[in-house]
Amino acid sequence: MLGKRKYMVSGHDAEGKYVEKEVWASSARNALNISQEWNDGNTYTVARKVGCGCGGN
């Protein structure tokens, strides 16, 4: 996973309930683009970095 970090993407499902998932990506924009391509019925609108990026998390 060289050059990639863990991001938490969040949004809502078809019923309007809050959902969030983790994704490995090179940037927040890339994480959001990846999650929006998932065909899981959810709409993702926010991506934020998880952890410190020091390898532990």
N, C-alpha and C. Protein backbone atom coordinates (compact mmCIF):
# COMPACT_ATOMS: atom_id res chain seq x y z
N MET A 1 0.83 -1.19 0.00
CA MET A 1 0.00 0.00 0.00
C MET A 1 0.87 1.25 0.00
N LEU A 2 1.94 1.23 -0.74
CA LEU A 2 2.86 2.35 -0.80
C LEU A 2 2.16 3.60 -1.31
N GLY A 3 2.28 4.69 -0.57
CA GLY A 3 1.68 5.95 -0.97
C GLY A 3 0.20 6.06 -0.68
N LYS A 4 -0.35 5.09 0.03
CA LYS A 4 -1.79 5.14 0.33
C LYS A 4 -1.99 5.22 1.83
N ARG A 5 -3.07 5.87 2.21
CA ARG A 5 -3.44 6.00 3.62
C ARG A 5 -4.88 5.55 3.79
N LYS A 6 -5.23 5.32 5.03
CA LYS A 6 -6.59 4.89 5.34
C LYS A 6 -7.48 6.13 5.51
N TYR A 7 -8.62 6.11 4.83
CA TYR A 7 -9.60 7.19 4.93
C TYR A 7 -10.94 6.62 5.35
N MET A 8 -11.70 7.42 6.07
CA MET A 8 -13.06 7.07 6.45
C MET A 8 -13.99 7.88 5.56
N VAL A 9 -14.81 7.19 4.78
CA VAL A 9 -15.80 7.87 3.94
C VAL A 9 -17.16 7.72 4.61
N SER A 10 -17.94 8.77 4.56
CA SER A 10 -19.26 8.73 5.20
C SER A 10 -20.31 9.37 4.32
N GLY A 11 -21.54 9.02 4.61
CA GLY A 11 -22.67 9.53 3.84
C GLY A 11 -23.95 8.94 4.38
N HIS A 12 -24.87 8.59 3.48
CA HIS A 12 -26.15 8.04 3.92
C HIS A 12 -26.61 6.94 2.97
N ASP A 13 -27.47 6.08 3.51
CA ASP A 13 -28.03 5.00 2.69
C ASP A 13 -29.35 5.45 2.08
N ALA A 14 -30.04 4.54 1.43
CA ALA A 14 -31.30 4.86 0.73
C ALA A 14 -32.39 5.33 1.69
N GLU A 15 -32.30 4.93 2.96
CA GLU A 15 -33.30 5.33 3.96
C GLU A 15 -32.91 6.60 4.69
N GLY A 16 -31.74 7.16 4.38
CA GLY A 16 -31.27 8.38 5.02
C GLY A 16 -30.45 8.14 6.28
N LYS A 17 -30.13 6.89 6.59
CA LYS A 17 -29.33 6.58 7.78
C LYS A 17 -27.85 6.82 7.50
N TYR A 18 -27.13 7.26 8.53
CA TYR A 18 -25.70 7.54 8.43
C TYR A 18 -24.91 6.25 8.23
N VAL A 19 -23.97 6.27 7.29
CA VAL A 19 -23.09 5.12 7.05
C VAL A 19 -21.65 5.62 6.91
N GLU A 20 -20.70 4.76 7.29
CA GLU A 20 -19.30 5.07 7.07
C GLU A 20 -18.52 3.79 6.85
N LYS A 21 -17.47 3.89 6.02
CA LYS A 21 -16.61 2.75 5.70
C LYS A 21 -15.19 3.24 5.55
N GLU A 22 -14.24 2.32 5.71
CA GLU A 22 -12.83 2.64 5.52
C GLU A 22 -12.39 2.26 4.12
N VAL A 23 -11.47 3.05 3.57
CA VAL A 23 -10.93 2.78 2.25
C VAL A 23 -9.47 3.24 2.23
N TRP A 24 -8.62 2.50 1.52
CA TRP A 24 -7.22 2.89 1.33
C TRP A 24 -7.14 3.70 0.04
N ALA A 25 -6.55 4.89 0.12
CA ALA A 25 -6.45 5.75 -1.06
C ALA A 25 -5.27 6.69 -0.91
N SER A 26 -4.89 7.33 -2.00
CA SER A 26 -3.76 8.26 -2.00
C SER A 26 -4.15 9.66 -1.56
N SER A 27 -5.44 9.99 -1.57
CA SER A 27 -5.92 11.30 -1.14
C SER A 27 -7.39 11.20 -0.74
N ALA A 28 -7.88 12.23 -0.07
CA ALA A 28 -9.29 12.24 0.32
C ALA A 28 -10.19 12.27 -0.92
N ARG A 29 -9.78 13.02 -1.91
CA ARG A 29 -10.58 13.09 -3.15
C ARG A 29 -10.63 11.72 -3.82
N ASN A 30 -9.49 11.04 -3.85
CA ASN A 30 -9.45 9.70 -4.43
C ASN A 30 -10.31 8.72 -3.63
N ALA A 31 -10.28 8.82 -2.30
CA ALA A 31 -11.10 7.96 -1.45
C ALA A 31 -12.58 8.17 -1.73
N LEU A 32 -12.98 9.42 -1.90
CA LEU A 32 -14.37 9.72 -2.19
C LEU A 32 -14.77 9.20 -3.56
N ASN A 33 -13.89 9.34 -4.54
CA ASN A 33 -14.17 8.82 -5.89
C ASN A 33 -14.31 7.30 -5.87
N ILE A 34 -13.43 6.62 -5.14
CA ILE A 34 -13.50 5.16 -5.03
C ILE A 34 -14.83 4.74 -4.40
N SER A 35 -15.19 5.39 -3.30
CA SER A 35 -16.41 5.00 -2.59
C SER A 35 -17.67 5.29 -3.41
N GLN A 36 -17.65 6.34 -4.22
CA GLN A 36 -18.82 6.66 -5.03
C GLN A 36 -19.00 5.65 -6.17
N GLU A 37 -17.95 4.90 -6.50
CA GLU A 37 -18.05 3.87 -7.53
C GLU A 37 -18.59 2.54 -6.99
N TRP A 38 -18.63 2.39 -5.65
CA TRP A 38 -19.18 1.17 -5.08
C TRP A 38 -20.67 1.10 -5.40
N ASN A 39 -21.13 -0.06 -5.74
CA ASN A 39 -22.55 -0.24 -6.06
C ASN A 39 -23.26 -0.85 -4.85
N ASP A 40 -23.26 -0.11 -3.73
CA ASP A 40 -23.86 -0.65 -2.51
C ASP A 40 -25.13 0.10 -2.08
N GLY A 41 -25.61 1.02 -2.92
CA GLY A 41 -26.83 1.75 -2.61
C GLY A 41 -26.66 2.93 -1.68
N ASN A 42 -25.42 3.20 -1.25
CA ASN A 42 -25.16 4.32 -0.35
C ASN A 42 -24.61 5.51 -1.13
N THR A 43 -24.81 6.70 -0.58
CA THR A 43 -24.28 7.93 -1.17
C THR A 43 -23.22 8.47 -0.22
N TYR A 44 -21.96 8.52 -0.66
CA TYR A 44 -20.86 9.00 0.17
C TYR A 44 -20.52 10.43 -0.21
N THR A 45 -20.37 11.29 0.80
CA THR A 45 -20.16 12.71 0.55
C THR A 45 -18.93 13.29 1.24
N VAL A 46 -18.36 12.58 2.22
CA VAL A 46 -17.24 13.10 2.99
C VAL A 46 -16.17 12.03 3.14
N ALA A 47 -14.89 12.44 2.99
CA ALA A 47 -13.77 11.54 3.24
C ALA A 47 -12.78 12.25 4.15
N ARG A 48 -12.33 11.56 5.20
CA ARG A 48 -11.34 12.15 6.10
C ARG A 48 -10.29 11.11 6.47
N LYS A 49 -9.08 11.58 6.70
CA LYS A 49 -7.96 10.70 7.01
C LYS A 49 -8.15 10.08 8.38
N VAL A 50 -7.78 8.80 8.49
CA VAL A 50 -7.87 8.07 9.75
C VAL A 50 -6.46 7.87 10.28
N GLY A 51 -6.25 8.10 11.55
CA GLY A 51 -4.95 7.87 12.17
C GLY A 51 -3.93 8.94 11.84
N CYS A 52 -2.69 8.68 12.23
CA CYS A 52 -1.63 9.67 12.08
C CYS A 52 -0.81 9.47 10.81
N GLY A 53 -0.96 8.36 10.14
CA GLY A 53 -0.17 8.09 8.94
C GLY A 53 1.21 7.54 9.26
N CYS A 54 1.43 7.13 10.51
CA CYS A 54 2.74 6.65 10.94
C CYS A 54 2.89 5.14 10.77
N GLY A 55 1.91 4.49 10.19
CA GLY A 55 2.00 3.06 9.95
C GLY A 55 1.26 2.22 10.96
N GLY A 56 0.97 2.74 12.12
CA GLY A 56 0.25 1.99 13.14
C GLY A 56 -1.24 1.91 12.88
N ASN A 57 -1.76 2.93 12.23
CA ASN A 57 -3.21 2.96 11.98
C ASN A 57 -3.52 3.77 10.75
